[in-house]
N, C-alpha and C. Protein backbone atom coordinates (compact mmCIF):
# COMPACT_ATOMS: atom_id res chain seq x y z
N UNK A 1 8.54 52.62 57.58
CA UNK A 1 7.46 51.62 57.61
C UNK A 1 6.65 51.66 56.33
N UNK A 2 6.34 52.87 55.85
CA UNK A 2 5.58 53.03 54.61
C UNK A 2 6.35 52.47 53.42
N UNK A 3 7.69 52.62 53.46
CA UNK A 3 8.51 52.09 52.38
C UNK A 3 8.41 50.58 52.32
N UNK A 4 8.39 49.97 53.49
CA UNK A 4 8.27 48.51 53.55
C UNK A 4 6.92 48.08 53.02
N UNK A 5 5.88 48.82 53.38
CA UNK A 5 4.52 48.50 52.91
C UNK A 5 4.43 48.63 51.40
N UNK A 6 5.07 49.67 50.86
CA UNK A 6 5.07 49.87 49.41
C UNK A 6 5.77 48.71 48.69
N UNK A 7 6.88 48.25 49.28
CA UNK A 7 7.61 47.11 48.68
C UNK A 7 6.75 45.86 48.68
N UNK A 8 6.06 45.64 49.81
CA UNK A 8 5.18 44.49 49.91
C UNK A 8 4.06 44.59 48.89
N UNK A 9 3.52 45.77 48.74
CA UNK A 9 2.42 46.01 47.78
C UNK A 9 2.89 45.74 46.36
N UNK A 10 4.09 46.27 46.03
CA UNK A 10 4.64 46.05 44.69
C UNK A 10 4.90 44.57 44.44
N UNK A 11 5.42 43.91 45.48
CA UNK A 11 5.72 42.48 45.36
C UNK A 11 4.43 41.68 45.11
N UNK A 12 3.37 42.04 45.87
CA UNK A 12 2.10 41.35 45.70
C UNK A 12 1.50 41.63 44.32
N UNK A 13 1.64 42.86 43.87
CA UNK A 13 1.11 43.22 42.55
C UNK A 13 1.85 42.45 41.44
N UNK A 14 3.18 42.32 41.59
CA UNK A 14 3.96 41.56 40.62
C UNK A 14 3.57 40.09 40.63
N UNK A 15 3.41 39.56 41.86
CA UNK A 15 3.00 38.17 41.99
C UNK A 15 1.64 37.93 41.36
N UNK A 16 0.73 38.86 41.60
CA UNK A 16 -0.62 38.75 41.01
C UNK A 16 -0.56 38.78 39.49
N UNK A 17 0.28 39.66 38.95
CA UNK A 17 0.41 39.77 37.48
C UNK A 17 0.96 38.47 36.90
N UNK A 18 1.94 37.90 37.61
CA UNK A 18 2.50 36.63 37.14
C UNK A 18 1.47 35.52 37.18
N UNK A 19 0.66 35.52 38.23
CA UNK A 19 -0.39 34.51 38.34
C UNK A 19 -1.41 34.65 37.22
N UNK A 20 -1.73 35.90 36.88
CA UNK A 20 -2.67 36.15 35.78
C UNK A 20 -2.11 35.63 34.47
N UNK A 21 -0.82 35.95 34.22
CA UNK A 21 -0.17 35.49 32.98
C UNK A 21 -0.14 33.98 32.92
N UNK A 22 0.24 33.35 34.07
CA UNK A 22 0.28 31.89 34.11
C UNK A 22 -1.10 31.29 33.92
N UNK A 23 -2.10 31.95 34.51
CA UNK A 23 -3.47 31.47 34.36
C UNK A 23 -3.93 31.51 32.92
N UNK A 24 -3.63 32.61 32.24
CA UNK A 24 -3.99 32.74 30.82
C UNK A 24 -3.28 31.68 29.99
N UNK A 25 -1.99 31.45 30.31
CA UNK A 25 -1.20 30.45 29.57
C UNK A 25 -1.80 29.05 29.72
N UNK A 26 -2.06 28.67 30.97
CA UNK A 26 -2.59 27.32 31.20
C UNK A 26 -4.00 27.16 30.63
N UNK A 27 -4.77 28.24 30.65
CA UNK A 27 -6.12 28.16 30.07
C UNK A 27 -6.03 27.91 28.57
N UNK A 28 -5.11 28.63 27.91
CA UNK A 28 -4.93 28.45 26.46
C UNK A 28 -4.41 27.06 26.16
N UNK A 29 -3.50 26.58 27.02
CA UNK A 29 -2.92 25.25 26.81
C UNK A 29 -3.97 24.16 26.91
N UNK A 30 -4.75 24.19 28.00
CA UNK A 30 -5.76 23.15 28.19
C UNK A 30 -6.90 23.27 27.19
N UNK A 31 -7.18 24.49 26.76
CA UNK A 31 -8.22 24.67 25.74
C UNK A 31 -7.79 24.05 24.42
N UNK A 32 -6.50 24.20 24.10
CA UNK A 32 -5.99 23.62 22.85
C UNK A 32 -6.04 22.10 22.91
N UNK A 33 -5.76 21.54 24.10
CA UNK A 33 -5.84 20.09 24.26
C UNK A 33 -7.28 19.60 24.12
N UNK A 34 -8.19 20.38 24.64
CA UNK A 34 -9.60 19.98 24.60
C UNK A 34 -10.16 19.99 23.19
N UNK A 35 -9.64 20.91 22.37
CA UNK A 35 -10.17 21.04 21.01
C UNK A 35 -9.36 20.27 19.98
N UNK A 36 -8.21 19.69 20.38
CA UNK A 36 -7.35 18.98 19.44
C UNK A 36 -8.00 17.66 19.01
N UNK A 37 -7.93 17.38 17.72
CA UNK A 37 -8.47 16.13 17.18
C UNK A 37 -7.39 15.05 17.24
N UNK A 38 -7.49 14.16 18.19
CA UNK A 38 -6.54 13.06 18.28
C UNK A 38 -6.91 11.98 17.26
N UNK A 39 -5.88 11.45 16.60
CA UNK A 39 -6.10 10.42 15.60
C UNK A 39 -6.26 9.08 16.29
N UNK A 40 -7.36 8.42 16.00
CA UNK A 40 -7.63 7.09 16.54
C UNK A 40 -7.69 6.10 15.37
N UNK A 41 -6.81 5.13 15.39
CA UNK A 41 -6.77 4.10 14.34
C UNK A 41 -6.89 2.73 15.01
N UNK A 42 -7.95 1.98 14.71
CA UNK A 42 -8.12 0.65 15.32
C UNK A 42 -6.92 -0.26 15.04
N UNK A 43 -6.60 -1.11 16.00
CA UNK A 43 -5.47 -2.03 15.85
C UNK A 43 -5.66 -2.95 14.66
N UNK A 44 -6.92 -3.34 14.41
CA UNK A 44 -7.21 -4.22 13.27
C UNK A 44 -6.77 -3.57 11.96
N UNK A 45 -7.03 -2.27 11.82
CA UNK A 45 -6.64 -1.56 10.60
C UNK A 45 -5.12 -1.55 10.47
N UNK A 46 -4.43 -1.23 11.56
CA UNK A 46 -2.96 -1.15 11.53
C UNK A 46 -2.34 -2.51 11.20
N UNK A 47 -2.84 -3.57 11.83
CA UNK A 47 -2.30 -4.92 11.59
C UNK A 47 -2.54 -5.35 10.14
N UNK A 48 -3.74 -5.07 9.63
CA UNK A 48 -4.07 -5.45 8.25
C UNK A 48 -3.25 -4.64 7.26
N UNK A 49 -2.98 -3.40 7.59
CA UNK A 49 -2.16 -2.56 6.70
C UNK A 49 -0.74 -3.09 6.61
N UNK A 50 -0.17 -3.48 7.75
CA UNK A 50 1.19 -4.05 7.76
C UNK A 50 1.23 -5.34 6.95
N UNK A 51 0.20 -6.17 7.10
CA UNK A 51 0.12 -7.42 6.35
C UNK A 51 0.03 -7.14 4.86
N UNK A 52 -0.77 -6.15 4.48
CA UNK A 52 -0.94 -5.84 3.05
C UNK A 52 0.36 -5.31 2.46
N UNK A 53 1.15 -4.59 3.27
CA UNK A 53 2.46 -4.10 2.80
C UNK A 53 3.38 -5.28 2.48
N UNK A 54 3.37 -6.26 3.36
CA UNK A 54 4.22 -7.44 3.17
C UNK A 54 3.82 -8.19 1.90
N UNK A 55 2.51 -8.36 1.70
CA UNK A 55 2.01 -9.07 0.53
C UNK A 55 2.36 -8.31 -0.75
N UNK A 56 2.21 -6.99 -0.71
CA UNK A 56 2.52 -6.17 -1.88
C UNK A 56 3.99 -6.29 -2.27
N UNK A 57 4.88 -6.31 -1.26
CA UNK A 57 6.31 -6.46 -1.53
C UNK A 57 6.60 -7.83 -2.15
N UNK A 58 5.92 -8.86 -1.63
CA UNK A 58 6.09 -10.20 -2.20
C UNK A 58 5.67 -10.22 -3.66
N UNK A 59 4.58 -9.52 -3.97
CA UNK A 59 4.10 -9.49 -5.34
C UNK A 59 5.13 -8.84 -6.26
N UNK A 60 5.73 -7.76 -5.81
CA UNK A 60 6.73 -7.07 -6.63
C UNK A 60 7.87 -8.03 -6.96
N UNK A 61 8.32 -8.80 -5.97
CA UNK A 61 9.40 -9.77 -6.20
C UNK A 61 8.96 -10.86 -7.18
N UNK A 62 7.73 -11.34 -7.02
CA UNK A 62 7.22 -12.39 -7.91
C UNK A 62 7.06 -11.87 -9.33
N UNK A 63 6.62 -10.63 -9.47
CA UNK A 63 6.43 -10.07 -10.82
C UNK A 63 7.77 -9.90 -11.53
N UNK A 64 8.81 -9.55 -10.77
CA UNK A 64 10.15 -9.45 -11.36
C UNK A 64 10.64 -10.83 -11.79
N UNK A 65 10.37 -11.84 -10.97
CA UNK A 65 10.74 -13.21 -11.31
C UNK A 65 9.99 -13.67 -12.57
N UNK A 66 8.73 -13.28 -12.66
CA UNK A 66 7.91 -13.64 -13.83
C UNK A 66 8.50 -13.03 -15.10
N UNK A 67 8.90 -11.79 -15.01
CA UNK A 67 9.47 -11.10 -16.18
C UNK A 67 10.73 -11.82 -16.66
N UNK A 68 11.56 -12.25 -15.73
CA UNK A 68 12.79 -12.96 -16.10
C UNK A 68 12.49 -14.33 -16.69
N UNK A 69 11.49 -15.02 -16.13
CA UNK A 69 11.14 -16.35 -16.64
C UNK A 69 10.60 -16.27 -18.06
N UNK A 70 9.77 -15.27 -18.33
CA UNK A 70 9.22 -15.12 -19.69
C UNK A 70 10.33 -14.85 -20.70
N UNK A 71 11.31 -14.05 -20.30
CA UNK A 71 12.43 -13.78 -21.18
C UNK A 71 13.25 -15.05 -21.41
N UNK A 72 13.40 -15.84 -20.33
CA UNK A 72 14.15 -17.10 -20.44
C UNK A 72 13.44 -18.08 -21.37
N UNK A 73 12.10 -18.15 -21.27
CA UNK A 73 11.32 -19.04 -22.14
C UNK A 73 11.51 -18.65 -23.60
N UNK A 74 11.47 -17.35 -23.86
CA UNK A 74 11.64 -16.85 -25.22
C UNK A 74 13.01 -17.23 -25.77
N UNK A 75 14.05 -17.07 -24.97
CA UNK A 75 15.41 -17.39 -25.41
C UNK A 75 15.59 -18.88 -25.66
N UNK A 76 15.03 -19.72 -24.78
CA UNK A 76 15.14 -21.17 -24.95
C UNK A 76 14.40 -21.63 -26.20
N UNK A 77 13.24 -21.00 -26.45
CA UNK A 77 12.46 -21.36 -27.63
C UNK A 77 13.21 -21.01 -28.91
N UNK A 78 13.84 -19.85 -28.91
CA UNK A 78 14.58 -19.41 -30.09
C UNK A 78 15.78 -20.32 -30.37
N UNK A 79 16.32 -20.92 -29.32
CA UNK A 79 17.45 -21.84 -29.47
C UNK A 79 17.00 -23.26 -29.81
N UNK A 80 15.68 -23.47 -29.84
CA UNK A 80 15.16 -24.79 -30.14
C UNK A 80 15.20 -25.75 -28.97
N UNK A 81 15.37 -25.24 -27.78
CA UNK A 81 15.45 -26.08 -26.58
C UNK A 81 14.04 -26.20 -25.97
N UNK A 82 13.23 -27.01 -26.63
CA UNK A 82 11.81 -27.11 -26.26
C UNK A 82 11.60 -27.67 -24.86
N UNK A 83 12.36 -28.70 -24.50
CA UNK A 83 12.17 -29.32 -23.18
C UNK A 83 12.46 -28.32 -22.05
N UNK A 84 13.55 -27.57 -22.19
CA UNK A 84 13.90 -26.58 -21.16
C UNK A 84 12.86 -25.46 -21.11
N UNK A 85 12.37 -25.08 -22.30
CA UNK A 85 11.35 -24.03 -22.36
C UNK A 85 10.08 -24.48 -21.66
N UNK A 86 9.66 -25.72 -21.89
CA UNK A 86 8.46 -26.25 -21.24
C UNK A 86 8.65 -26.37 -19.74
N UNK A 87 9.86 -26.74 -19.32
CA UNK A 87 10.16 -26.84 -17.89
C UNK A 87 10.04 -25.47 -17.22
N UNK A 88 10.54 -24.45 -17.91
CA UNK A 88 10.45 -23.08 -17.36
C UNK A 88 9.00 -22.60 -17.34
N UNK A 89 8.23 -23.01 -18.34
CA UNK A 89 6.80 -22.66 -18.35
C UNK A 89 6.10 -23.27 -17.14
N UNK A 90 6.42 -24.53 -16.85
CA UNK A 90 5.82 -25.17 -15.67
C UNK A 90 6.21 -24.44 -14.38
N UNK A 91 7.47 -24.01 -14.32
CA UNK A 91 7.92 -23.24 -13.16
C UNK A 91 7.14 -21.95 -13.03
N UNK A 92 6.91 -21.31 -14.18
CA UNK A 92 6.18 -20.04 -14.16
C UNK A 92 4.71 -20.23 -13.81
N UNK A 93 4.14 -21.37 -14.20
CA UNK A 93 2.76 -21.66 -13.81
C UNK A 93 2.65 -21.73 -12.29
N UNK A 94 3.66 -22.33 -11.67
CA UNK A 94 3.70 -22.41 -10.20
C UNK A 94 3.82 -21.01 -9.60
N UNK A 95 4.66 -20.18 -10.23
CA UNK A 95 4.81 -18.81 -9.76
C UNK A 95 3.49 -18.04 -9.91
N UNK A 96 2.78 -18.34 -11.00
CA UNK A 96 1.48 -17.70 -11.23
C UNK A 96 0.47 -18.05 -10.14
N UNK A 97 0.53 -19.30 -9.68
CA UNK A 97 -0.34 -19.73 -8.58
C UNK A 97 -0.01 -18.95 -7.30
N UNK A 98 1.27 -18.68 -7.10
CA UNK A 98 1.68 -17.90 -5.94
C UNK A 98 1.13 -16.47 -6.03
N UNK A 99 1.14 -15.92 -7.24
CA UNK A 99 0.59 -14.57 -7.44
C UNK A 99 -0.89 -14.53 -7.07
N UNK A 100 -1.62 -15.55 -7.49
CA UNK A 100 -3.05 -15.62 -7.17
C UNK A 100 -3.25 -15.73 -5.66
N UNK A 101 -2.39 -16.51 -5.01
CA UNK A 101 -2.48 -16.67 -3.56
C UNK A 101 -2.22 -15.34 -2.85
N UNK A 102 -1.25 -14.59 -3.37
CA UNK A 102 -0.95 -13.29 -2.79
C UNK A 102 -2.13 -12.34 -2.98
N UNK A 103 -2.80 -12.47 -4.12
CA UNK A 103 -3.97 -11.64 -4.37
C UNK A 103 -5.07 -11.92 -3.36
N UNK A 104 -5.25 -13.20 -3.02
CA UNK A 104 -6.27 -13.59 -2.03
C UNK A 104 -5.90 -13.06 -0.65
N UNK A 105 -4.60 -13.11 -0.31
CA UNK A 105 -4.14 -12.58 0.98
C UNK A 105 -4.37 -11.07 1.05
N UNK A 106 -4.09 -10.39 -0.05
CA UNK A 106 -4.27 -8.94 -0.12
C UNK A 106 -5.73 -8.58 0.06
N UNK A 107 -6.60 -9.37 -0.55
CA UNK A 107 -8.04 -9.14 -0.42
C UNK A 107 -8.49 -9.33 1.02
N UNK A 108 -7.93 -10.33 1.71
CA UNK A 108 -8.27 -10.55 3.11
C UNK A 108 -7.86 -9.37 3.99
N UNK A 109 -6.66 -8.85 3.76
CA UNK A 109 -6.20 -7.68 4.52
C UNK A 109 -7.06 -6.47 4.23
N UNK A 110 -7.43 -6.31 2.97
CA UNK A 110 -8.27 -5.18 2.57
C UNK A 110 -9.64 -5.25 3.25
N UNK A 111 -10.18 -6.45 3.38
CA UNK A 111 -11.49 -6.62 4.02
C UNK A 111 -11.42 -6.17 5.48
N UNK A 112 -10.33 -6.51 6.17
CA UNK A 112 -10.16 -6.10 7.56
C UNK A 112 -10.00 -4.59 7.68
N UNK A 113 -9.25 -4.00 6.76
CA UNK A 113 -9.08 -2.54 6.78
C UNK A 113 -10.41 -1.83 6.56
N UNK A 114 -11.20 -2.36 5.62
CA UNK A 114 -12.50 -1.76 5.33
C UNK A 114 -13.45 -1.91 6.51
N UNK A 115 -13.42 -3.06 7.16
CA UNK A 115 -14.30 -3.33 8.30
C UNK A 115 -14.02 -2.37 9.45
N UNK A 116 -12.74 -2.04 9.65
CA UNK A 116 -12.35 -1.18 10.78
C UNK A 116 -12.31 0.30 10.41
N UNK A 117 -12.68 0.64 9.18
CA UNK A 117 -12.60 2.03 8.71
C UNK A 117 -13.44 2.97 9.58
N UNK A 118 -14.64 2.52 9.99
CA UNK A 118 -15.53 3.37 10.76
C UNK A 118 -14.98 3.77 12.11
N UNK A 119 -13.98 3.04 12.61
CA UNK A 119 -13.41 3.34 13.92
C UNK A 119 -12.30 4.38 13.88
N UNK A 120 -11.95 4.85 12.70
CA UNK A 120 -10.88 5.84 12.57
C UNK A 120 -11.44 7.24 12.82
N UNK A 121 -10.76 8.01 13.64
CA UNK A 121 -11.14 9.39 13.97
C UNK A 121 -9.89 10.27 13.87
N UNK A 122 -10.06 11.55 13.49
CA UNK A 122 -11.30 12.23 13.07
C UNK A 122 -11.63 11.97 11.60
N UNK A 123 -12.57 12.75 11.07
CA UNK A 123 -13.03 12.53 9.70
C UNK A 123 -11.91 12.65 8.67
N UNK A 124 -11.00 13.62 8.89
CA UNK A 124 -9.90 13.81 7.94
C UNK A 124 -9.00 12.60 7.87
N UNK A 125 -8.74 11.99 9.02
CA UNK A 125 -7.91 10.78 9.05
C UNK A 125 -8.63 9.63 8.37
N UNK A 126 -9.95 9.54 8.61
CA UNK A 126 -10.73 8.47 7.98
C UNK A 126 -10.73 8.63 6.46
N UNK A 127 -10.76 9.87 5.98
CA UNK A 127 -10.75 10.12 4.53
C UNK A 127 -9.44 9.63 3.92
N UNK A 128 -8.33 9.83 4.62
CA UNK A 128 -7.03 9.35 4.12
C UNK A 128 -6.99 7.83 4.10
N UNK A 129 -7.56 7.21 5.14
CA UNK A 129 -7.61 5.74 5.18
C UNK A 129 -8.47 5.21 4.04
N UNK A 130 -9.57 5.90 3.77
CA UNK A 130 -10.46 5.50 2.66
C UNK A 130 -9.72 5.62 1.33
N UNK A 131 -8.93 6.68 1.18
CA UNK A 131 -8.13 6.86 -0.04
C UNK A 131 -7.16 5.70 -0.23
N UNK A 132 -6.51 5.30 0.88
CA UNK A 132 -5.56 4.18 0.82
C UNK A 132 -6.27 2.90 0.41
N UNK A 133 -7.44 2.65 0.98
CA UNK A 133 -8.21 1.44 0.66
C UNK A 133 -8.61 1.45 -0.81
N UNK A 134 -8.99 2.61 -1.32
CA UNK A 134 -9.37 2.73 -2.74
C UNK A 134 -8.21 2.35 -3.65
N UNK A 135 -6.99 2.79 -3.28
CA UNK A 135 -5.81 2.44 -4.07
C UNK A 135 -5.56 0.93 -4.04
N UNK A 136 -5.81 0.31 -2.89
CA UNK A 136 -5.63 -1.14 -2.78
C UNK A 136 -6.66 -1.89 -3.62
N UNK A 137 -7.89 -1.40 -3.66
CA UNK A 137 -8.92 -2.05 -4.47
C UNK A 137 -8.52 -2.02 -5.94
N UNK A 138 -8.05 -0.87 -6.42
CA UNK A 138 -7.62 -0.76 -7.82
C UNK A 138 -6.41 -1.65 -8.08
N UNK A 139 -5.54 -1.76 -7.06
CA UNK A 139 -4.36 -2.61 -7.20
C UNK A 139 -4.76 -4.07 -7.36
N UNK A 140 -5.74 -4.51 -6.58
CA UNK A 140 -6.21 -5.90 -6.68
C UNK A 140 -6.84 -6.14 -8.05
N UNK A 141 -7.58 -5.17 -8.56
CA UNK A 141 -8.18 -5.31 -9.91
C UNK A 141 -7.08 -5.49 -10.96
N UNK A 142 -6.02 -4.70 -10.84
CA UNK A 142 -4.91 -4.82 -11.79
C UNK A 142 -4.18 -6.14 -11.61
N UNK A 143 -4.10 -6.61 -10.37
CA UNK A 143 -3.43 -7.89 -10.10
C UNK A 143 -4.20 -9.05 -10.72
N UNK A 144 -5.54 -8.99 -10.61
CA UNK A 144 -6.38 -10.04 -11.21
C UNK A 144 -6.19 -10.06 -12.72
N UNK A 145 -6.18 -8.86 -13.32
CA UNK A 145 -6.00 -8.76 -14.77
C UNK A 145 -4.62 -9.27 -15.17
N UNK A 146 -3.60 -8.93 -14.38
CA UNK A 146 -2.24 -9.37 -14.65
C UNK A 146 -2.14 -10.90 -14.61
N UNK A 147 -2.75 -11.51 -13.60
CA UNK A 147 -2.71 -12.97 -13.47
C UNK A 147 -3.40 -13.66 -14.63
N UNK A 148 -4.53 -13.09 -15.06
CA UNK A 148 -5.26 -13.65 -16.19
C UNK A 148 -4.43 -13.57 -17.47
N UNK A 149 -3.79 -12.43 -17.69
CA UNK A 149 -2.96 -12.26 -18.88
C UNK A 149 -1.75 -13.18 -18.84
N UNK A 150 -1.21 -13.39 -17.65
CA UNK A 150 -0.06 -14.30 -17.50
C UNK A 150 -0.46 -15.72 -17.89
N UNK A 151 -1.64 -16.15 -17.47
CA UNK A 151 -2.13 -17.49 -17.85
C UNK A 151 -2.23 -17.61 -19.37
N UNK A 152 -2.77 -16.57 -20.02
CA UNK A 152 -2.91 -16.60 -21.47
C UNK A 152 -1.55 -16.61 -22.16
N UNK A 153 -0.60 -15.86 -21.62
CA UNK A 153 0.75 -15.83 -22.19
C UNK A 153 1.38 -17.22 -22.13
N UNK A 154 1.23 -17.89 -21.01
CA UNK A 154 1.82 -19.22 -20.85
C UNK A 154 1.16 -20.24 -21.78
N UNK A 155 -0.15 -20.11 -21.99
CA UNK A 155 -0.83 -21.02 -22.93
C UNK A 155 -0.33 -20.79 -24.35
N UNK A 156 -0.17 -19.53 -24.71
CA UNK A 156 0.32 -19.20 -26.05
C UNK A 156 1.74 -19.74 -26.25
N UNK A 157 2.58 -19.56 -25.25
CA UNK A 157 3.96 -20.04 -25.35
C UNK A 157 4.01 -21.56 -25.45
N UNK A 158 3.17 -22.23 -24.67
CA UNK A 158 3.11 -23.70 -24.74
C UNK A 158 2.68 -24.16 -26.13
N UNK A 159 1.70 -23.46 -26.70
CA UNK A 159 1.21 -23.80 -28.03
C UNK A 159 2.30 -23.65 -29.08
N UNK A 160 3.09 -22.58 -28.92
CA UNK A 160 4.14 -22.35 -29.91
C UNK A 160 5.28 -23.36 -29.77
N UNK A 161 5.65 -23.66 -28.51
CA UNK A 161 6.74 -24.60 -28.27
C UNK A 161 6.37 -26.00 -28.75
N UNK A 162 5.13 -26.44 -28.46
CA UNK A 162 4.72 -27.80 -28.79
C UNK A 162 4.32 -27.97 -30.25
N UNK A 163 3.62 -26.97 -30.78
CA UNK A 163 3.03 -27.16 -32.12
C UNK A 163 3.55 -26.17 -33.16
N UNK A 164 4.40 -25.25 -32.73
CA UNK A 164 4.94 -24.28 -33.67
C UNK A 164 3.91 -23.27 -34.16
N UNK A 165 2.86 -23.05 -33.40
CA UNK A 165 1.82 -22.09 -33.81
C UNK A 165 2.40 -20.69 -33.93
N UNK A 166 1.91 -19.97 -34.93
CA UNK A 166 2.33 -18.58 -35.14
C UNK A 166 1.45 -17.66 -34.29
N UNK A 167 1.95 -17.32 -33.11
CA UNK A 167 1.14 -16.51 -32.19
C UNK A 167 1.90 -15.23 -31.78
N UNK A 168 2.85 -14.83 -32.62
CA UNK A 168 3.71 -13.70 -32.24
C UNK A 168 2.93 -12.44 -31.91
N UNK A 169 1.98 -12.07 -32.77
CA UNK A 169 1.22 -10.82 -32.57
C UNK A 169 0.37 -10.89 -31.29
N UNK A 170 -0.35 -12.01 -31.14
CA UNK A 170 -1.20 -12.17 -29.95
C UNK A 170 -0.35 -12.21 -28.69
N UNK A 171 0.81 -12.87 -28.78
CA UNK A 171 1.70 -12.98 -27.62
C UNK A 171 2.21 -11.61 -27.20
N UNK A 172 2.68 -10.83 -28.17
CA UNK A 172 3.22 -9.52 -27.85
C UNK A 172 2.14 -8.60 -27.27
N UNK A 173 0.94 -8.74 -27.79
CA UNK A 173 -0.18 -7.93 -27.28
C UNK A 173 -0.45 -8.26 -25.81
N UNK A 174 -0.44 -9.54 -25.47
CA UNK A 174 -0.68 -9.95 -24.08
C UNK A 174 0.47 -9.53 -23.17
N UNK A 175 1.69 -9.63 -23.66
CA UNK A 175 2.86 -9.24 -22.87
C UNK A 175 2.81 -7.73 -22.57
N UNK A 176 2.48 -6.94 -23.60
CA UNK A 176 2.39 -5.49 -23.41
C UNK A 176 1.32 -5.13 -22.38
N UNK A 177 0.19 -5.82 -22.47
CA UNK A 177 -0.91 -5.57 -21.54
C UNK A 177 -0.53 -5.97 -20.12
N UNK A 178 0.15 -7.11 -19.99
CA UNK A 178 0.58 -7.57 -18.67
C UNK A 178 1.59 -6.60 -18.06
N UNK A 179 2.52 -6.12 -18.86
CA UNK A 179 3.51 -5.16 -18.37
C UNK A 179 2.84 -3.86 -17.93
N UNK A 180 1.80 -3.46 -18.66
CA UNK A 180 1.05 -2.25 -18.31
C UNK A 180 0.39 -2.42 -16.94
N UNK A 181 -0.20 -3.59 -16.72
CA UNK A 181 -0.84 -3.85 -15.43
C UNK A 181 0.18 -3.96 -14.31
N UNK A 182 1.35 -4.49 -14.60
CA UNK A 182 2.41 -4.59 -13.60
C UNK A 182 2.86 -3.19 -13.17
N UNK A 183 2.99 -2.28 -14.15
CA UNK A 183 3.36 -0.90 -13.83
C UNK A 183 2.26 -0.23 -13.00
N UNK A 184 1.02 -0.51 -13.37
CA UNK A 184 -0.12 0.06 -12.65
C UNK A 184 -0.13 -0.41 -11.20
N UNK A 185 0.18 -1.68 -10.99
CA UNK A 185 0.22 -2.23 -9.64
C UNK A 185 1.27 -1.52 -8.79
N UNK A 186 2.45 -1.30 -9.37
CA UNK A 186 3.51 -0.61 -8.64
C UNK A 186 3.13 0.84 -8.33
N UNK A 187 2.51 1.51 -9.30
CA UNK A 187 2.09 2.90 -9.09
C UNK A 187 1.02 3.00 -8.02
N UNK A 188 0.05 2.08 -8.04
CA UNK A 188 -1.02 2.09 -7.05
C UNK A 188 -0.48 1.76 -5.66
N UNK A 189 0.52 0.91 -5.61
CA UNK A 189 1.14 0.59 -4.33
C UNK A 189 1.84 1.82 -3.76
N UNK A 190 2.47 2.60 -4.62
CA UNK A 190 3.13 3.84 -4.20
C UNK A 190 2.10 4.84 -3.66
N UNK A 191 0.97 4.97 -4.35
CA UNK A 191 -0.08 5.89 -3.92
C UNK A 191 -0.67 5.45 -2.58
N UNK A 192 -0.80 4.14 -2.40
CA UNK A 192 -1.29 3.60 -1.13
C UNK A 192 -0.35 4.01 0.01
N UNK A 193 0.95 3.83 -0.21
CA UNK A 193 1.93 4.16 0.82
C UNK A 193 1.93 5.65 1.13
N UNK A 194 1.71 6.47 0.11
CA UNK A 194 1.66 7.93 0.31
C UNK A 194 0.46 8.30 1.18
N UNK A 195 -0.69 7.68 0.91
CA UNK A 195 -1.89 7.95 1.70
C UNK A 195 -1.70 7.51 3.15
N UNK A 196 -1.07 6.36 3.35
CA UNK A 196 -0.82 5.86 4.71
C UNK A 196 0.15 6.78 5.45
N UNK A 197 1.15 7.28 4.74
CA UNK A 197 2.11 8.20 5.36
C UNK A 197 1.42 9.48 5.82
N UNK A 198 0.50 9.99 4.99
CA UNK A 198 -0.27 11.18 5.37
C UNK A 198 -1.12 10.89 6.60
N UNK A 199 -1.70 9.69 6.66
CA UNK A 199 -2.51 9.30 7.82
C UNK A 199 -1.67 9.25 9.08
N UNK A 200 -0.46 8.68 8.98
CA UNK A 200 0.42 8.57 10.14
C UNK A 200 0.90 9.94 10.63
N UNK A 201 0.99 10.91 9.71
CA UNK A 201 1.47 12.26 10.07
C UNK A 201 0.33 13.23 10.30
N UNK A 202 -0.91 12.73 10.31
CA UNK A 202 -2.08 13.61 10.43
C UNK A 202 -2.10 14.29 11.81
């Protein structure tokens, strides 16, 4: 009889030990959940970010098209094909208008992202979102500068095609500056995507 009682006692002691271990485990588990910082990102921010990505990709395609058109204008001019050169300039002016439109769309998305910034939690996630927005602001500044330089380049090319003006130095200076801003836009877009990726993995 005593042997049976001892077995029961040992069994109860083992059960109690297991319950203690399980209790400690669940306490640690729920405590970690209670102290964990869940990332909260407003839907407005996410939607605006997706829209800005689309606009940025469109800009990259347009800038590549612009680069090819400028080269085509230069080649046509060198061949003395003034009418074709002017036609390509008009095409590029239309492309330039599209670039400006994309800039306005990007600014609209950025405004929505900035408006919803305060709803992002925790602070570390909000800091990453702020970093991304900062990169977009700099990108828009470079885009504005790029569009302005493109307008000046087209005016210079038109002047040379129509009147034979010697604008080689001024033209090359504007082209170099525009290319610099185009590279800056691509770099800032990359930095934006890196910040967003960090936010998503926070």
